[in-house]
């Protein structure tokens, strides 16, 4: 497995992966209108916009195929983390998170991260140390606000 920065050429594959994962694990809890809105807000055009806004993306490649990706907003919000279901249970999501976390930490970082988890991903985020900060929310999709505060001060730059 190779973890690297996302390039614009990766966006079609990443958007397709997101769509498949959302259909398999998230959108069944949404209204048809909510599902359509979510997919519209997460497609190729949106991803290009997020990249232009400074979101930091990393991808996982296996044998030249995009197996997953992660996106961070403002160095503190885990915006997206998806792994193609064919590659589940191989540690890819954890490695993507670790890569995104390390890239985000640095001068001025408070050592805290947030994520809006799907119900499906709750156990994974809990295994990373994220804890719920509010009950499940009903937006265009259902999500669970969560927060992680790093306990190891060596992982946080005091500046």
N, C-alpha and C. Protein backbone atom coordinates (compact mmCIF):
# COMPACT_ATOMS: atom_id res chain seq x y z
N UNK A 1 0.85 -1.18 0.00
CA UNK A 1 0.00 0.00 0.00
C UNK A 1 0.89 1.24 0.00
N UNK A 2 0.48 2.20 -0.79
CA UNK A 2 1.19 3.47 -0.88
C UNK A 2 0.23 4.58 -0.49
N UNK A 3 0.65 5.44 0.44
CA UNK A 3 -0.12 6.62 0.82
C UNK A 3 0.59 7.82 0.22
N UNK A 4 -0.18 8.67 -0.45
CA UNK A 4 0.39 9.86 -1.09
C UNK A 4 -0.66 10.96 -1.13
N UNK A 5 -0.23 12.15 -1.47
CA UNK A 5 -1.16 13.27 -1.64
C UNK A 5 -2.05 13.03 -2.85
N UNK A 6 -3.27 13.46 -2.74
CA UNK A 6 -4.22 13.39 -3.85
C UNK A 6 -3.79 14.37 -4.93
N UNK A 7 -3.93 13.97 -6.18
CA UNK A 7 -3.71 14.87 -7.31
C UNK A 7 -5.06 15.11 -7.99
N UNK A 8 -5.18 16.16 -8.78
CA UNK A 8 -6.44 16.39 -9.48
C UNK A 8 -6.88 15.19 -10.34
N UNK A 9 -5.92 14.44 -10.86
CA UNK A 9 -6.27 13.27 -11.66
C UNK A 9 -6.94 12.16 -10.84
N UNK A 10 -6.78 12.19 -9.51
CA UNK A 10 -7.38 11.19 -8.63
C UNK A 10 -8.85 11.48 -8.33
N UNK A 11 -9.29 12.69 -8.60
CA UNK A 11 -10.62 13.11 -8.15
C UNK A 11 -11.75 12.25 -8.73
N UNK A 12 -11.77 11.92 -10.00
CA UNK A 12 -12.87 11.07 -10.48
C UNK A 12 -12.96 9.73 -9.74
N UNK A 13 -11.83 9.09 -9.50
CA UNK A 13 -11.85 7.80 -8.78
C UNK A 13 -12.26 7.99 -7.33
N UNK A 14 -11.79 9.06 -6.69
CA UNK A 14 -12.16 9.33 -5.30
C UNK A 14 -13.65 9.62 -5.18
N UNK A 15 -14.19 10.42 -6.10
CA UNK A 15 -15.62 10.74 -6.06
C UNK A 15 -16.47 9.49 -6.30
N UNK A 16 -16.03 8.63 -7.19
CA UNK A 16 -16.76 7.38 -7.44
C UNK A 16 -16.71 6.46 -6.22
N UNK A 17 -15.56 6.39 -5.57
CA UNK A 17 -15.43 5.58 -4.35
C UNK A 17 -16.36 6.12 -3.27
N UNK A 18 -16.36 7.44 -3.08
CA UNK A 18 -17.24 8.06 -2.08
C UNK A 18 -18.69 7.72 -2.37
N UNK A 19 -19.09 7.81 -3.62
CA UNK A 19 -20.47 7.52 -3.98
C UNK A 19 -20.84 6.08 -3.63
N UNK A 20 -19.98 5.13 -3.99
CA UNK A 20 -20.25 3.71 -3.69
C UNK A 20 -20.35 3.49 -2.18
N UNK A 21 -19.41 4.04 -1.45
CA UNK A 21 -19.40 3.86 0.01
C UNK A 21 -20.63 4.50 0.64
N UNK A 22 -20.98 5.70 0.20
CA UNK A 22 -22.16 6.37 0.75
C UNK A 22 -23.42 5.55 0.47
N UNK A 23 -23.54 5.04 -0.74
CA UNK A 23 -24.71 4.22 -1.07
C UNK A 23 -24.76 2.95 -0.24
N UNK A 24 -23.61 2.35 0.03
CA UNK A 24 -23.56 1.10 0.80
C UNK A 24 -23.76 1.30 2.30
N UNK A 25 -23.25 2.42 2.86
CA UNK A 25 -23.16 2.53 4.32
C UNK A 25 -23.83 3.73 4.96
N UNK A 26 -24.23 4.73 4.18
CA UNK A 26 -24.73 5.97 4.79
C UNK A 26 -26.14 6.33 4.33
N UNK A 27 -26.37 6.31 3.03
CA UNK A 27 -27.58 6.91 2.48
C UNK A 27 -28.86 6.15 2.76
N UNK A 28 -28.76 4.90 3.17
CA UNK A 28 -29.97 4.14 3.50
C UNK A 28 -30.74 4.76 4.68
N UNK A 29 -30.06 5.59 5.46
CA UNK A 29 -30.71 6.26 6.60
C UNK A 29 -31.25 7.64 6.24
N UNK A 30 -31.12 8.03 4.98
CA UNK A 30 -31.51 9.37 4.54
C UNK A 30 -32.78 9.32 3.71
N UNK A 31 -33.39 10.47 3.59
CA UNK A 31 -34.50 10.59 2.65
C UNK A 31 -33.91 10.60 1.24
N UNK A 32 -34.70 10.31 0.23
CA UNK A 32 -34.18 10.40 -1.14
C UNK A 32 -33.63 11.79 -1.46
N UNK A 33 -34.29 12.83 -0.95
CA UNK A 33 -33.83 14.19 -1.19
C UNK A 33 -32.50 14.46 -0.48
N UNK A 34 -32.39 13.96 0.76
CA UNK A 34 -31.15 14.12 1.51
C UNK A 34 -30.00 13.39 0.85
N UNK A 35 -30.26 12.18 0.37
CA UNK A 35 -29.23 11.39 -0.31
C UNK A 35 -28.75 12.11 -1.57
N UNK A 36 -29.69 12.63 -2.35
CA UNK A 36 -29.32 13.35 -3.57
C UNK A 36 -28.51 14.60 -3.25
N UNK A 37 -28.91 15.32 -2.21
CA UNK A 37 -28.18 16.53 -1.82
C UNK A 37 -26.77 16.18 -1.35
N UNK A 38 -26.65 15.12 -0.56
CA UNK A 38 -25.33 14.70 -0.09
C UNK A 38 -24.42 14.37 -1.27
N UNK A 39 -24.91 13.58 -2.19
CA UNK A 39 -24.09 13.19 -3.34
C UNK A 39 -23.72 14.40 -4.19
N UNK A 40 -24.63 15.35 -4.32
CA UNK A 40 -24.33 16.56 -5.09
C UNK A 40 -23.25 17.39 -4.40
N UNK A 41 -23.25 17.40 -3.07
CA UNK A 41 -22.28 18.18 -2.31
C UNK A 41 -20.93 17.48 -2.18
N UNK A 42 -20.82 16.25 -2.65
CA UNK A 42 -19.59 15.48 -2.49
C UNK A 42 -19.01 14.98 -3.81
N UNK A 43 -19.52 15.43 -4.92
CA UNK A 43 -19.06 14.95 -6.23
C UNK A 43 -17.73 15.54 -6.65
N UNK A 44 -17.36 15.27 -7.90
CA UNK A 44 -16.07 15.72 -8.43
C UNK A 44 -15.90 17.24 -8.33
N UNK A 45 -16.92 17.97 -8.75
CA UNK A 45 -16.82 19.43 -8.72
C UNK A 45 -16.60 19.94 -7.29
N UNK A 46 -17.34 19.36 -6.35
CA UNK A 46 -17.19 19.76 -4.95
C UNK A 46 -15.79 19.44 -4.45
N UNK A 47 -15.28 18.26 -4.79
CA UNK A 47 -13.94 17.89 -4.34
C UNK A 47 -12.89 18.84 -4.90
N UNK A 48 -13.04 19.23 -6.14
CA UNK A 48 -12.10 20.19 -6.73
C UNK A 48 -12.16 21.53 -5.95
N UNK A 49 -13.36 21.92 -5.59
CA UNK A 49 -13.52 23.14 -4.81
C UNK A 49 -12.89 23.02 -3.43
N UNK A 50 -13.09 21.88 -2.77
CA UNK A 50 -12.49 21.67 -1.44
C UNK A 50 -10.97 21.72 -1.53
N UNK A 51 -10.42 21.10 -2.55
CA UNK A 51 -8.97 21.11 -2.74
C UNK A 51 -8.48 22.55 -2.93
N UNK A 52 -9.21 23.32 -3.72
CA UNK A 52 -8.84 24.73 -3.96
C UNK A 52 -8.95 25.57 -2.68
N UNK A 53 -9.86 25.17 -1.78
CA UNK A 53 -10.05 25.89 -0.51
C UNK A 53 -9.00 25.52 0.53
N UNK A 54 -8.15 24.54 0.22
CA UNK A 54 -7.09 24.18 1.15
C UNK A 54 -7.30 22.89 1.91
N UNK A 55 -8.36 22.16 1.61
CA UNK A 55 -8.51 20.86 2.24
C UNK A 55 -7.28 20.03 1.86
N UNK A 56 -6.80 19.23 2.77
CA UNK A 56 -5.63 18.39 2.52
C UNK A 56 -6.10 16.94 2.36
N UNK A 57 -5.84 16.40 1.18
CA UNK A 57 -6.26 15.04 0.84
C UNK A 57 -5.06 14.12 0.72
N UNK A 58 -5.24 12.89 1.17
CA UNK A 58 -4.28 11.80 0.93
C UNK A 58 -5.06 10.62 0.39
N UNK A 59 -4.41 9.84 -0.45
CA UNK A 59 -5.02 8.64 -1.00
C UNK A 59 -4.17 7.42 -0.66
N UNK A 60 -4.84 6.29 -0.59
CA UNK A 60 -4.17 5.00 -0.44
C UNK A 60 -4.31 4.28 -1.77
N UNK A 61 -3.18 3.80 -2.27
CA UNK A 61 -3.15 3.05 -3.53
C UNK A 61 -2.69 1.63 -3.25
N UNK A 62 -3.37 0.70 -3.87
CA UNK A 62 -2.94 -0.70 -3.84
C UNK A 62 -2.87 -1.17 -5.28
N UNK A 63 -1.70 -1.61 -5.68
CA UNK A 63 -1.48 -2.07 -7.06
C UNK A 63 -1.97 -1.04 -8.08
N UNK A 64 -1.69 0.23 -7.81
CA UNK A 64 -2.06 1.30 -8.73
C UNK A 64 -3.52 1.71 -8.69
N UNK A 65 -4.31 1.11 -7.83
CA UNK A 65 -5.74 1.42 -7.73
C UNK A 65 -6.02 2.23 -6.47
N UNK A 66 -6.86 3.25 -6.59
CA UNK A 66 -7.22 4.06 -5.44
C UNK A 66 -8.12 3.22 -4.53
N UNK A 67 -7.61 2.90 -3.34
CA UNK A 67 -8.33 2.04 -2.40
C UNK A 67 -9.06 2.85 -1.34
N UNK A 68 -8.64 4.10 -1.12
CA UNK A 68 -9.28 4.93 -0.11
C UNK A 68 -8.70 6.33 -0.14
N UNK A 69 -9.36 7.23 0.59
CA UNK A 69 -8.85 8.60 0.70
C UNK A 69 -9.33 9.24 1.99
N UNK A 70 -8.62 10.27 2.39
CA UNK A 70 -8.95 11.05 3.58
C UNK A 70 -8.82 12.52 3.22
N UNK A 71 -9.67 13.35 3.83
CA UNK A 71 -9.61 14.80 3.63
C UNK A 71 -9.72 15.49 4.98
N UNK A 72 -8.83 16.47 5.19
CA UNK A 72 -8.86 17.28 6.41
C UNK A 72 -9.18 18.72 6.04
N UNK A 73 -10.04 19.34 6.85
CA UNK A 73 -10.36 20.76 6.68
C UNK A 73 -9.74 21.53 7.85
N UNK A 74 -9.03 22.58 7.54
CA UNK A 74 -8.44 23.50 8.52
C UNK A 74 -7.60 22.78 9.58
N UNK A 75 -6.94 21.72 9.18
CA UNK A 75 -6.02 20.98 10.05
C UNK A 75 -6.65 20.40 11.30
N UNK A 76 -7.99 20.47 11.43
CA UNK A 76 -8.59 19.97 12.67
C UNK A 76 -9.88 19.19 12.47
N UNK A 77 -10.48 19.25 11.29
CA UNK A 77 -11.74 18.52 11.07
C UNK A 77 -11.51 17.43 10.02
N UNK A 78 -11.72 16.20 10.44
CA UNK A 78 -11.63 15.07 9.53
C UNK A 78 -12.90 15.08 8.69
N UNK A 79 -12.79 15.61 7.49
CA UNK A 79 -13.95 15.86 6.65
C UNK A 79 -14.44 14.60 5.94
N UNK A 80 -13.53 13.81 5.41
CA UNK A 80 -13.89 12.59 4.67
C UNK A 80 -12.86 11.51 4.94
N UNK A 81 -13.34 10.28 5.09
CA UNK A 81 -12.47 9.12 5.17
C UNK A 81 -13.25 7.94 4.63
N UNK A 82 -12.85 7.49 3.46
CA UNK A 82 -13.55 6.39 2.78
C UNK A 82 -12.54 5.38 2.28
N UNK A 83 -12.91 4.10 2.42
CA UNK A 83 -12.12 3.00 1.87
C UNK A 83 -13.06 2.13 1.07
N UNK A 84 -12.66 1.78 -0.13
CA UNK A 84 -13.46 0.89 -0.97
C UNK A 84 -13.72 -0.40 -0.21
N UNK A 85 -14.96 -0.88 -0.24
CA UNK A 85 -15.33 -2.07 0.55
C UNK A 85 -14.50 -3.30 0.20
N UNK A 86 -13.95 -3.34 -1.00
CA UNK A 86 -13.09 -4.49 -1.37
C UNK A 86 -11.80 -4.51 -0.56
N UNK A 87 -11.47 -3.37 0.06
CA UNK A 87 -10.21 -3.26 0.79
C UNK A 87 -10.42 -3.09 2.30
N UNK A 88 -11.64 -3.32 2.78
CA UNK A 88 -11.91 -3.19 4.21
C UNK A 88 -11.12 -4.22 5.01
N UNK A 89 -10.92 -3.89 6.28
CA UNK A 89 -10.30 -4.79 7.26
C UNK A 89 -8.82 -5.06 6.96
N UNK A 90 -8.15 -4.08 6.34
CA UNK A 90 -6.72 -4.19 6.04
C UNK A 90 -5.90 -3.09 6.71
N UNK A 91 -6.53 -2.29 7.55
CA UNK A 91 -5.82 -1.20 8.22
C UNK A 91 -5.65 0.05 7.39
N UNK A 92 -6.32 0.11 6.25
CA UNK A 92 -6.16 1.26 5.35
C UNK A 92 -6.74 2.53 5.97
N UNK A 93 -7.93 2.45 6.53
CA UNK A 93 -8.56 3.64 7.13
C UNK A 93 -7.69 4.17 8.27
N UNK A 94 -7.18 3.29 9.09
CA UNK A 94 -6.33 3.71 10.21
C UNK A 94 -5.06 4.40 9.68
N UNK A 95 -4.44 3.83 8.66
CA UNK A 95 -3.22 4.41 8.10
C UNK A 95 -3.52 5.77 7.46
N UNK A 96 -4.65 5.89 6.78
CA UNK A 96 -5.03 7.18 6.21
C UNK A 96 -5.22 8.22 7.32
N UNK A 97 -5.91 7.83 8.39
CA UNK A 97 -6.11 8.74 9.51
C UNK A 97 -4.77 9.17 10.11
N UNK A 98 -3.89 8.22 10.34
CA UNK A 98 -2.59 8.54 10.92
C UNK A 98 -1.81 9.51 10.03
N UNK A 99 -1.88 9.30 8.73
CA UNK A 99 -1.21 10.19 7.79
C UNK A 99 -1.80 11.59 7.86
N UNK A 100 -3.13 11.68 7.84
CA UNK A 100 -3.81 12.98 7.91
C UNK A 100 -3.51 13.69 9.23
N UNK A 101 -3.55 12.93 10.32
CA UNK A 101 -3.27 13.51 11.65
C UNK A 101 -1.86 14.08 11.70
N UNK A 102 -0.88 13.31 11.25
CA UNK A 102 0.51 13.77 11.29
C UNK A 102 0.72 14.98 10.39
N UNK A 103 0.06 15.01 9.24
CA UNK A 103 0.18 16.16 8.34
C UNK A 103 -0.45 17.41 8.96
N UNK A 104 -1.47 17.23 9.78
CA UNK A 104 -2.18 18.36 10.38
C UNK A 104 -1.45 18.95 11.58
N UNK A 105 -0.77 18.11 12.33
CA UNK A 105 -0.10 18.58 13.53
C UNK A 105 1.09 19.47 13.16
N UNK A 106 1.35 20.41 14.00
CA UNK A 106 2.47 21.32 13.76
C UNK A 106 2.27 22.59 14.55
N UNK A 107 3.03 23.61 14.23
CA UNK A 107 2.94 24.86 14.99
C UNK A 107 1.51 25.38 15.11
N UNK A 108 1.12 25.66 16.33
CA UNK A 108 -0.18 26.23 16.60
C UNK A 108 -1.35 25.25 16.65
N UNK A 109 -1.09 23.97 16.40
CA UNK A 109 -2.20 23.01 16.42
C UNK A 109 -2.58 22.71 17.87
N UNK A 110 -3.88 22.76 18.21
CA UNK A 110 -4.30 22.56 19.59
C UNK A 110 -4.31 21.10 20.04
N UNK A 111 -4.10 20.16 19.13
CA UNK A 111 -4.11 18.75 19.52
C UNK A 111 -5.50 18.16 19.62
N UNK A 112 -6.47 18.78 18.97
CA UNK A 112 -7.85 18.28 18.98
C UNK A 112 -8.36 18.18 17.55
N UNK A 113 -9.19 17.18 17.32
CA UNK A 113 -9.78 16.94 16.01
C UNK A 113 -11.27 16.66 16.17
N UNK A 114 -12.04 16.98 15.15
CA UNK A 114 -13.46 16.66 15.12
C UNK A 114 -13.77 15.84 13.87
N UNK A 115 -14.89 15.14 13.93
CA UNK A 115 -15.39 14.38 12.79
C UNK A 115 -16.90 14.26 12.96
N UNK A 116 -17.62 14.22 11.85
CA UNK A 116 -19.05 13.91 11.86
C UNK A 116 -19.19 12.51 11.30
N UNK A 117 -19.33 11.54 12.18
CA UNK A 117 -19.31 10.14 11.81
C UNK A 117 -20.68 9.62 11.39
N UNK A 118 -20.68 8.78 10.38
CA UNK A 118 -21.90 8.03 10.07
C UNK A 118 -22.12 7.01 11.19
N UNK A 119 -23.31 6.47 11.28
CA UNK A 119 -23.56 5.42 12.26
C UNK A 119 -22.67 4.21 11.99
N UNK A 120 -22.47 3.91 10.72
CA UNK A 120 -21.64 2.77 10.34
C UNK A 120 -20.20 2.91 10.86
N UNK A 121 -19.66 4.11 10.83
CA UNK A 121 -18.25 4.33 11.18
C UNK A 121 -18.01 4.60 12.67
N UNK A 122 -19.06 4.69 13.46
CA UNK A 122 -18.89 5.00 14.89
C UNK A 122 -17.88 4.10 15.59
N UNK A 123 -17.96 2.78 15.44
CA UNK A 123 -16.99 1.93 16.14
C UNK A 123 -15.54 2.20 15.72
N UNK A 124 -15.34 2.48 14.45
CA UNK A 124 -13.98 2.78 13.98
C UNK A 124 -13.46 4.04 14.65
N UNK A 125 -14.24 5.12 14.62
CA UNK A 125 -13.76 6.36 15.22
C UNK A 125 -13.57 6.22 16.72
N UNK A 126 -14.44 5.46 17.39
CA UNK A 126 -14.26 5.21 18.82
C UNK A 126 -12.94 4.48 19.06
N UNK A 127 -12.57 3.56 18.15
CA UNK A 127 -11.31 2.83 18.32
C UNK A 127 -10.10 3.75 18.18
N UNK A 128 -10.26 4.89 17.52
CA UNK A 128 -9.19 5.87 17.39
C UNK A 128 -9.13 6.82 18.58
N UNK A 129 -10.16 6.78 19.42
CA UNK A 129 -10.22 7.65 20.59
C UNK A 129 -11.21 8.79 20.48
N UNK A 130 -11.92 8.91 19.36
CA UNK A 130 -12.95 9.94 19.24
C UNK A 130 -14.12 9.60 20.16
N UNK A 131 -14.73 10.62 20.75
CA UNK A 131 -15.89 10.43 21.61
C UNK A 131 -17.03 11.32 21.11
N UNK A 132 -18.27 10.85 21.24
CA UNK A 132 -19.41 11.66 20.82
C UNK A 132 -19.50 12.95 21.63
N UNK A 133 -19.89 14.02 20.97
CA UNK A 133 -20.06 15.31 21.66
C UNK A 133 -21.52 15.75 21.67
N UNK A 134 -22.39 15.01 20.98
CA UNK A 134 -23.81 15.32 20.92
C UNK A 134 -24.52 14.08 20.40
N UNK A 135 -25.84 14.02 20.59
CA UNK A 135 -26.59 12.89 20.03
C UNK A 135 -26.54 12.90 18.50
N UNK A 136 -26.97 11.81 17.90
CA UNK A 136 -27.04 11.72 16.45
C UNK A 136 -27.85 12.88 15.90
N UNK A 137 -27.33 13.50 14.86
CA UNK A 137 -27.96 14.65 14.23
C UNK A 137 -28.62 14.23 12.91
N UNK A 138 -29.74 14.84 12.61
CA UNK A 138 -30.43 14.59 11.35
C UNK A 138 -30.26 15.80 10.45
N UNK A 139 -29.23 15.75 9.59
CA UNK A 139 -29.02 16.78 8.58
C UNK A 139 -29.47 16.19 7.26
N UNK A 140 -28.76 16.52 6.18
CA UNK A 140 -29.12 15.87 4.91
C UNK A 140 -28.82 14.38 5.00
N UNK A 141 -27.85 14.02 5.85
CA UNK A 141 -27.62 12.62 6.24
C UNK A 141 -27.51 12.61 7.77
N UNK A 142 -27.70 11.43 8.36
CA UNK A 142 -27.54 11.30 9.81
C UNK A 142 -26.05 11.26 10.12
N UNK A 143 -25.66 11.95 11.20
CA UNK A 143 -24.25 11.95 11.58
C UNK A 143 -24.12 12.13 13.09
N UNK A 144 -22.94 11.77 13.58
CA UNK A 144 -22.64 11.82 15.00
C UNK A 144 -21.42 12.71 15.21
N UNK A 145 -21.60 13.91 15.79
CA UNK A 145 -20.45 14.77 16.06
C UNK A 145 -19.53 14.10 17.08
N UNK A 146 -18.24 14.09 16.79
CA UNK A 146 -17.27 13.46 17.67
C UNK A 146 -16.03 14.34 17.77
N UNK A 147 -15.26 14.11 18.83
CA UNK A 147 -14.05 14.90 19.07
C UNK A 147 -12.97 13.98 19.64
N UNK A 148 -11.75 14.28 19.27
CA UNK A 148 -10.57 13.58 19.80
C UNK A 148 -9.61 14.63 20.31
N UNK A 149 -9.19 14.49 21.55
CA UNK A 149 -8.15 15.34 22.11
C UNK A 149 -6.96 14.44 22.36
N UNK A 150 -5.84 14.77 21.74
CA UNK A 150 -4.65 13.95 21.89
C UNK A 150 -4.13 14.05 23.32
N UNK A 151 -3.92 12.90 23.92
CA UNK A 151 -3.47 12.86 25.32
C UNK A 151 -1.97 12.96 25.44
N UNK A 152 -1.24 12.62 24.40
CA UNK A 152 0.22 12.63 24.45
C UNK A 152 0.73 14.00 24.08
N UNK A 153 1.24 14.77 25.04
CA UNK A 153 1.69 16.12 24.73
C UNK A 153 2.82 16.15 23.70
N UNK A 154 3.54 15.06 23.54
CA UNK A 154 4.62 15.04 22.54
C UNK A 154 4.06 15.12 21.13
N UNK A 155 2.77 14.79 20.95
CA UNK A 155 2.16 14.84 19.63
C UNK A 155 1.67 16.23 19.27
N UNK A 156 1.71 17.15 20.23
CA UNK A 156 1.19 18.49 19.99
C UNK A 156 2.32 19.50 20.15
N UNK A 157 2.45 20.37 19.20
CA UNK A 157 3.43 21.45 19.27
C UNK A 157 2.88 22.52 20.21
N UNK A 158 3.60 22.91 21.24
CA UNK A 158 3.07 23.87 22.20
C UNK A 158 2.94 25.30 21.68
N UNK A 159 3.46 25.59 20.51
CA UNK A 159 3.42 26.97 19.98
C UNK A 159 2.01 27.44 19.72
